[in-house]
């Protein structure tokens, strides 16, 4: 298979056999090729490649899809380029509230957390809920107390601070009623954040950047897994929860169909149960992975003002990465092949 990706709004790769594969995303939105310089592009491609390579190695060594997506998303959370973990945005009150979910396609076991403020890697907390709790979704202080008992690393809230996100929040707060979707970093805020990385972060339209991160994978045994994590919406109301920690909306995995992780206007993904809808179209209507994902992203979501995209993979290693915005940070890696990353349409 060629490592070239057609950089349009529906990137799809098809293989006839079961090949261990991982795909990741770092948010979708108005990502401007004309405004991005070589250093900015390189920073994103390097980050995506590093994360894909780590997940790819787990799969190559015979590891599970669940381990691969947990590793990939935890690395995305640790990278301030993205709105999850260290790069999380601010609420209206100047705090951080983080959400995440993970799902095992072999068993339909799932775990999720929402509105946590002290968890370094929310995706690892979601996995702890899945593996050690009889519940699927825990929130707030109760979630933090539970996952701390199971070894998940806790941090002080100032761990999540970045200058760009703080400056972005101040501007949003000063414009009464303004909500910036997810980690909408405009050019000025992006440049400020870049001081920590010694690069300029890509210019983003401040009203059209959807900053969820996620990963999907299939392992050598044909098992699927999905994981999604986010810092939410800049200047969001305290207590707001989007689609990311909701099984079937922003995250879903089922070995019979596919593993899906979404990014975009969360309320639209919630209304349409977008991730599960792809699975249902495949299982009940016999659609292919690519057709199901294409119809949900390009036809269904726009009816409800839904902008964004998703990554999806099936048990045969087929991958699709559709989005209806100007760009989406994304990539995939098949075992034995070089990772492929892309940003624009």
Protein backbone atom coordinates (compact mmCIF):
# COMPACT_ATOMS: atom_id res chain seq x y z
CA UNK A 1 0.00 0.00 0.00
CA UNK A 2 1.26 3.47 -0.80
CA UNK A 3 1.96 5.82 2.08
CA UNK A 4 0.49 8.74 0.15
CA UNK A 5 -2.69 10.29 1.49
CA UNK A 6 -5.11 12.16 -0.70
CA UNK A 7 -5.45 15.38 1.24
CA UNK A 8 -9.13 16.03 0.72
CA UNK A 9 -11.95 16.07 3.22
CA UNK A 10 -12.33 12.28 3.11
CA UNK A 11 -9.02 10.49 3.46
CA UNK A 12 -9.55 6.74 3.15
CA UNK A 13 -7.23 3.75 3.06
CA UNK A 14 -8.37 0.23 2.23
CA UNK A 15 -6.51 -3.06 2.70
CA UNK A 16 -7.74 -6.60 1.99
CA UNK A 17 -6.30 -8.19 5.12
CA UNK A 18 -6.26 -7.60 8.84
CA UNK A 19 -3.29 -5.32 9.50
CA UNK A 20 -2.61 -3.75 12.88
CA UNK A 21 -3.18 -0.02 12.45
CA UNK A 22 -3.58 3.11 14.53
CA UNK A 23 -5.08 6.48 13.58
CA UNK A 24 -5.13 9.71 15.59
CA UNK A 25 -6.59 13.21 15.39
CA UNK A 26 -5.77 16.48 17.12
CA UNK A 27 -8.79 18.61 16.28
CA UNK A 28 -10.55 20.00 13.21
CA UNK A 29 -11.43 23.49 12.06
CA UNK A 30 -10.38 26.45 9.96
CA UNK A 31 -6.72 25.58 9.57
CA UNK A 32 -5.21 27.96 7.04
CA UNK A 33 -2.46 26.69 4.74
CA UNK A 34 -1.78 30.25 3.58
CA UNK A 35 -1.14 31.41 7.15
CA UNK A 36 1.03 28.51 8.31
CA UNK A 37 4.78 28.61 7.91
CA UNK A 38 7.19 25.73 7.55
CA UNK A 39 8.13 25.64 11.24
CA UNK A 40 4.49 25.53 12.30
CA UNK A 41 3.67 22.70 9.94
CA UNK A 42 6.75 20.79 11.05
CA UNK A 43 5.80 21.10 14.73
CA UNK A 44 2.41 19.50 14.12
CA UNK A 45 3.70 16.82 11.77
CA UNK A 46 6.52 15.95 14.18
CA UNK A 47 4.10 15.65 17.10
CA UNK A 48 1.67 13.50 15.13
CA UNK A 49 4.49 11.28 13.83
CA UNK A 50 5.97 10.76 17.29
CA UNK A 51 2.61 9.78 18.73
CA UNK A 52 1.73 7.49 15.83
CA UNK A 53 5.12 5.78 16.08
CA UNK A 54 4.59 5.06 19.78
CA UNK A 55 1.19 3.49 19.14
CA UNK A 56 2.51 1.62 16.12
CA UNK A 57 5.30 0.07 18.22
CA UNK A 58 2.80 -1.22 20.77
CA UNK A 59 0.84 -2.91 17.99
CA UNK A 60 3.99 -4.26 16.30
CA UNK A 61 5.06 -5.84 19.59
CA UNK A 62 1.74 -7.65 19.80
CA UNK A 63 0.11 -5.19 22.19
CA UNK A 64 -3.59 -4.55 22.34
CA UNK A 65 -5.54 -1.88 20.50
CA UNK A 66 -6.64 -0.65 23.93
CA UNK A 67 -3.03 -0.12 25.02
CA UNK A 68 -2.21 1.63 21.75
CA UNK A 69 -5.04 4.18 21.92
CA UNK A 70 -4.46 4.86 25.62
CA UNK A 71 -0.79 5.56 24.93
CA UNK A 72 -1.50 7.76 21.92
CA UNK A 73 -4.13 9.88 23.65
CA UNK A 74 -2.05 10.29 26.80
CA UNK A 75 0.76 11.65 24.59
CA UNK A 76 -1.69 14.02 22.89
CA UNK A 77 -2.76 15.16 26.36
CA UNK A 78 0.86 15.88 27.28
CA UNK A 79 1.42 18.03 24.17
CA UNK A 80 0.34 21.70 24.58
CA UNK A 81 -0.31 21.97 20.84
CA UNK A 82 -3.66 20.28 21.46
CA UNK A 83 -6.70 21.01 23.66
CA UNK A 84 -6.46 18.10 26.09
CA UNK A 85 -4.49 17.72 29.29
CA UNK A 86 -1.60 20.21 29.33
CA UNK A 87 -3.10 22.30 26.51
CA UNK A 88 -6.64 22.43 27.90
CA UNK A 89 -8.73 25.59 27.57
CA UNK A 90 -10.27 27.67 30.38
CA UNK A 91 -13.85 27.73 31.63
CA UNK A 92 -15.75 30.99 32.24
CA UNK A 93 -14.52 30.82 35.85
CA UNK A 94 -10.88 30.55 34.81
CA UNK A 95 -10.60 26.86 35.69
CA UNK A 96 -10.00 23.70 33.69
CA UNK A 97 -12.55 20.87 33.38
CA UNK A 98 -11.39 17.84 31.45
CA UNK A 99 -13.35 14.98 29.86
CA UNK A 100 -12.32 11.65 28.31
CA UNK A 101 -13.62 8.23 27.29
CA UNK A 102 -12.19 4.90 26.18
CA UNK A 103 -13.90 1.81 24.78
CA UNK A 104 -12.88 -1.79 24.07
CA UNK A 105 -14.48 -3.11 20.90
CA UNK A 106 -14.00 -6.75 21.87
CA UNK A 107 -16.17 -6.55 25.00
CA UNK A 108 -18.00 -3.20 24.67
CA UNK A 109 -16.48 -2.33 28.04
CA UNK A 110 -16.07 1.42 28.40
CA UNK A 111 -14.96 4.03 30.89
CA UNK A 112 -15.33 7.79 30.99
CA UNK A 113 -14.69 10.78 33.21
CA UNK A 114 -15.95 14.35 33.04
CA UNK A 115 -15.35 17.68 34.79
CA UNK A 116 -12.10 16.63 36.45
CA UNK A 117 -9.62 19.34 37.44
CA UNK A 118 -6.64 17.50 38.92
CA UNK A 119 -6.06 14.50 36.63
CA UNK A 120 -2.90 14.79 34.52
CA UNK A 121 -4.05 12.28 31.90
CA UNK A 122 -7.84 12.02 31.74
CA UNK A 123 -7.69 9.10 29.30
CA UNK A 124 -5.86 7.00 31.89
CA UNK A 125 -8.52 7.95 34.41
CA UNK A 126 -11.22 6.83 31.97
CA UNK A 127 -9.44 3.51 31.60
CA UNK A 128 -9.27 3.13 35.38
CA UNK A 129 -13.03 3.63 35.55
CA UNK A 130 -13.49 0.98 32.86
CA UNK A 131 -11.23 -1.56 34.51
CA UNK A 132 -11.93 -1.03 38.21
CA UNK A 133 -15.49 0.27 38.46
CA UNK A 134 -18.92 -1.21 37.88
CA UNK A 135 -19.85 2.13 36.32
CA UNK A 136 -19.01 3.69 32.95
CA UNK A 137 -19.06 7.45 33.64
CA UNK A 138 -17.80 9.21 36.77
CA UNK A 139 -17.62 12.99 37.16
CA UNK A 140 -16.02 15.69 39.26
CA UNK A 141 -14.59 15.11 42.71
CA UNK A 142 -15.99 11.59 42.92
CA UNK A 143 -14.20 10.61 39.73
CA UNK A 144 -10.95 12.10 40.99
CA UNK A 145 -11.15 10.29 44.33
CA UNK A 146 -11.83 6.98 42.60
CA UNK A 147 -9.05 7.15 40.01
CA UNK A 148 -6.52 8.41 42.56
CA UNK A 149 -7.14 5.20 44.52
CA UNK A 150 -6.10 3.29 41.41
CA UNK A 151 -2.81 5.03 40.80
CA UNK A 152 -3.79 7.71 38.28
CA UNK A 153 -1.45 10.70 38.58
CA UNK A 154 -2.98 13.82 40.10
CA UNK A 155 -1.68 17.36 39.61
CA UNK A 156 -2.42 20.87 40.84
CA UNK A 157 -4.68 22.87 38.49
CA UNK A 158 -1.86 25.22 37.46
CA UNK A 159 -0.24 22.24 35.65
CA UNK A 160 -2.73 22.81 32.82
CA UNK A 161 -1.90 26.50 32.40
CA UNK A 162 -0.45 27.74 29.12
CA UNK A 163 -0.05 31.38 28.22
CA UNK A 164 -1.91 31.01 24.92
CA UNK A 165 -4.97 29.38 26.44
CA UNK A 166 -5.05 31.98 29.23
CA UNK A 167 -4.80 34.90 26.82
CA UNK A 168 -7.47 33.32 24.63
CA UNK A 169 -9.80 32.99 27.61
CA UNK A 170 -9.28 36.60 28.65
CA UNK A 171 -10.30 37.80 25.20
CA UNK A 172 -13.35 35.53 25.15
CA UNK A 173 -14.37 36.60 28.66
CA UNK A 174 -14.12 40.27 27.72
CA UNK A 175 -16.53 39.75 24.83
CA UNK A 176 -19.71 39.04 26.76
CA UNK A 177 -21.45 35.82 25.75
CA UNK A 178 -18.62 34.71 23.46
CA UNK A 179 -17.76 31.02 23.33
CA UNK A 180 -14.70 29.82 21.49
CA UNK A 181 -15.21 26.27 20.35
CA UNK A 182 -12.69 23.98 22.00
CA UNK A 183 -9.09 25.19 21.69
CA UNK A 184 -9.76 28.01 19.22
CA UNK A 185 -6.34 29.66 19.24
CA UNK A 186 -6.24 32.72 16.99
CA UNK A 187 -2.94 33.79 15.50
CA UNK A 188 -1.99 36.02 18.42
CA UNK A 189 -2.74 33.42 21.07
CA UNK A 190 -0.99 30.76 19.05
CA UNK A 191 2.15 32.82 18.83
CA UNK A 192 2.10 33.39 22.59
CA UNK A 193 1.75 29.68 23.29
CA UNK A 194 4.58 28.91 20.92
CA UNK A 195 7.08 30.59 23.24
CA UNK A 196 6.99 27.43 25.34
CA UNK A 197 7.86 25.33 22.29
CA UNK A 198 10.02 27.90 20.51
CA UNK A 199 7.79 27.72 17.42
CA UNK A 200 4.74 29.53 16.15
CA UNK A 201 1.60 27.48 16.54
CA UNK A 202 -0.59 27.40 13.47
CA UNK A 203 -2.93 30.35 12.90
CA UNK A 204 -6.51 29.27 13.54
CA UNK A 205 -9.78 31.06 12.92
CA UNK A 206 -10.81 31.73 16.54
CA UNK A 207 -14.42 30.66 16.00
CA UNK A 208 -13.72 27.53 14.01
CA UNK A 209 -11.23 25.30 15.80
CA UNK A 210 -12.52 22.18 17.46
CA UNK A 211 -9.97 20.86 19.88
CA UNK A 212 -10.67 17.30 20.88
CA UNK A 213 -7.99 14.62 20.52
CA UNK A 214 -8.48 10.95 19.87
CA UNK A 215 -7.16 7.61 18.67
CA UNK A 216 -8.57 4.43 17.16
CA UNK A 217 -6.74 1.17 16.54
CA UNK A 218 -7.02 -2.44 15.46
CA UNK A 219 -4.49 -4.92 16.80
CA UNK A 220 -3.06 -8.13 15.36
CA UNK A 221 -5.97 -10.12 16.81
CA UNK A 222 -8.55 -7.97 15.04
CA UNK A 223 -9.70 -6.24 18.23
CA UNK A 224 -10.72 -2.59 18.06
CA UNK A 225 -10.48 0.26 20.56
CA UNK A 226 -11.23 3.98 20.61
CA UNK A 227 -10.29 6.84 22.93
CA UNK A 228 -11.23 10.54 23.03
CA UNK A 229 -10.13 13.38 25.32
CA UNK A 230 -10.75 17.14 25.49
CA UNK A 231 -10.43 20.33 27.49
CA UNK A 232 -13.79 21.46 26.13
CA UNK A 233 -14.80 24.93 24.92
CA UNK A 234 -13.01 28.16 25.80
CA UNK A 235 -15.08 30.23 28.25
CA UNK A 236 -17.62 27.41 28.62
CA UNK A 237 -20.08 27.41 31.48
CA UNK A 238 -18.74 25.56 34.52
CA UNK A 239 -20.17 22.04 34.47
CA UNK A 240 -20.64 21.85 30.69
CA UNK A 241 -19.97 18.39 29.23
CA UNK A 242 -19.67 17.79 25.51
CA UNK A 243 -19.64 14.66 23.38
CA UNK A 244 -16.12 13.44 24.15
CA UNK A 245 -16.91 11.38 27.30
CA UNK A 246 -20.27 10.15 26.00
CA UNK A 247 -20.17 6.64 24.60
CA UNK A 248 -21.78 6.63 21.16
CA UNK A 249 -21.41 10.37 20.62
CA UNK A 250 -17.71 11.22 20.63
CA UNK A 251 -16.31 7.73 21.17
CA UNK A 252 -17.39 4.21 20.22
CA UNK A 253 -15.84 0.82 19.43
CA UNK A 254 -17.37 -2.51 18.45
CA UNK A 255 -15.45 -5.38 16.85
CA UNK A 256 -18.49 -6.12 14.67
CA UNK A 257 -18.20 -2.74 12.98
CA UNK A 258 -15.66 -0.03 13.78
CA UNK A 259 -13.87 2.16 16.29
CA UNK A 260 -14.59 5.89 16.07
CA UNK A 261 -13.27 9.06 17.75
CA UNK A 262 -14.88 12.40 16.93
CA UNK A 263 -13.96 16.08 17.10
CA UNK A 264 -16.20 19.07 16.46
CA UNK A 265 -19.28 20.90 17.71
CA UNK A 266 -20.06 18.56 20.57
CA UNK A 267 -23.78 19.25 20.84
CA UNK A 268 -24.32 18.20 17.21
CA UNK A 269 -22.41 14.94 17.75
CA UNK A 270 -24.53 14.35 20.86
CA UNK A 271 -27.84 15.02 19.10
CA UNK A 272 -27.01 12.61 16.29
CA UNK A 273 -25.15 10.02 18.42
CA UNK A 274 -22.67 10.30 15.59
CA UNK A 275 -20.07 7.69 16.53
CA UNK A 276 -22.67 4.99 17.17
CA UNK A 277 -24.59 5.97 14.04
CA UNK A 278 -21.59 4.96 11.93
CA UNK A 279 -21.54 1.57 13.62
CA UNK A 280 -25.30 1.13 13.17
CA UNK A 281 -25.16 2.00 9.49
CA UNK A 282 -22.48 -0.66 9.02
CA UNK A 283 -24.21 -3.36 11.09
CA UNK A 284 -27.83 -2.86 10.08
CA UNK A 285 -27.60 -1.30 6.62
CA UNK A 286 -24.49 -3.10 5.42
CA UNK A 287 -22.63 0.10 4.59
CA UNK A 288 -18.88 0.18 4.30
CA UNK A 289 -16.84 2.06 6.87
CA UNK A 290 -16.06 4.82 4.39
CA UNK A 291 -19.66 5.25 3.21
CA UNK A 292 -21.07 5.31 6.73
CA UNK A 293 -18.54 7.84 7.98
CA UNK A 294 -18.90 10.00 4.89
CA UNK A 295 -22.69 10.20 5.24
CA UNK A 296 -22.55 11.06 8.94
CA UNK A 297 -19.90 13.77 8.59
CA UNK A 298 -20.92 15.30 5.27
CA UNK A 299 -24.70 14.85 5.30
CA UNK A 300 -26.08 14.24 8.81
CA UNK A 301 -24.00 16.56 11.00
CA UNK A 302 -24.40 19.70 8.84
CA UNK A 303 -28.20 19.46 9.28
CA UNK A 304 -27.61 20.34 12.93
CA UNK A 305 -24.85 22.90 12.34
CA UNK A 306 -22.31 20.23 13.12
CA UNK A 307 -18.75 21.06 12.03
CA UNK A 308 -15.77 18.84 12.61
CA UNK A 309 -14.64 15.37 11.72
CA UNK A 310 -13.73 11.94 12.98
CA UNK A 311 -11.34 9.04 12.59
CA UNK A 312 -12.58 5.49 12.19
CA UNK A 313 -11.11 2.05 11.64
CA UNK A 314 -12.56 -1.43 11.15
CA UNK A 315 -11.30 -4.90 12.04
CA UNK A 316 -9.70 -5.31 8.61
CA UNK A 317 -7.47 -2.28 9.02
CA UNK A 318 -9.53 -0.02 6.78
CA UNK A 319 -9.18 3.61 7.87
CA UNK A 320 -11.21 6.72 7.08
CA UNK A 321 -10.64 10.26 8.34
CA UNK A 322 -13.45 12.50 7.03
CA UNK A 323 -14.07 16.10 8.08
CA UNK A 324 -16.28 18.93 6.87
CA UNK A 325 -14.01 21.79 7.97
CA UNK A 326 -11.00 23.35 6.28
CA UNK A 327 -8.59 21.04 8.03
CA UNK A 328 -8.03 18.38 10.68
CA UNK A 329 -4.79 17.38 12.37
CA UNK A 330 -4.68 13.66 11.63
CA UNK A 331 -2.60 10.65 10.73
CA UNK A 332 -2.42 6.88 10.66
CA UNK A 333 0.25 4.20 10.86
CA UNK A 334 0.12 0.58 9.76
CA UNK A 335 2.58 -1.86 11.28
CA UNK A 336 5.58 -2.17 9.00
CA UNK A 337 4.91 1.10 7.15
CA UNK A 338 5.90 4.72 7.73
CA UNK A 339 3.31 6.89 9.51
CA UNK A 340 1.27 9.24 7.36
CA UNK A 341 0.19 12.65 8.68
CA UNK A 342 -1.92 15.43 7.21
CA UNK A 343 -3.42 18.79 8.16
CA UNK A 344 -5.38 20.34 5.29
CA UNK A 345 -8.14 19.18 2.96
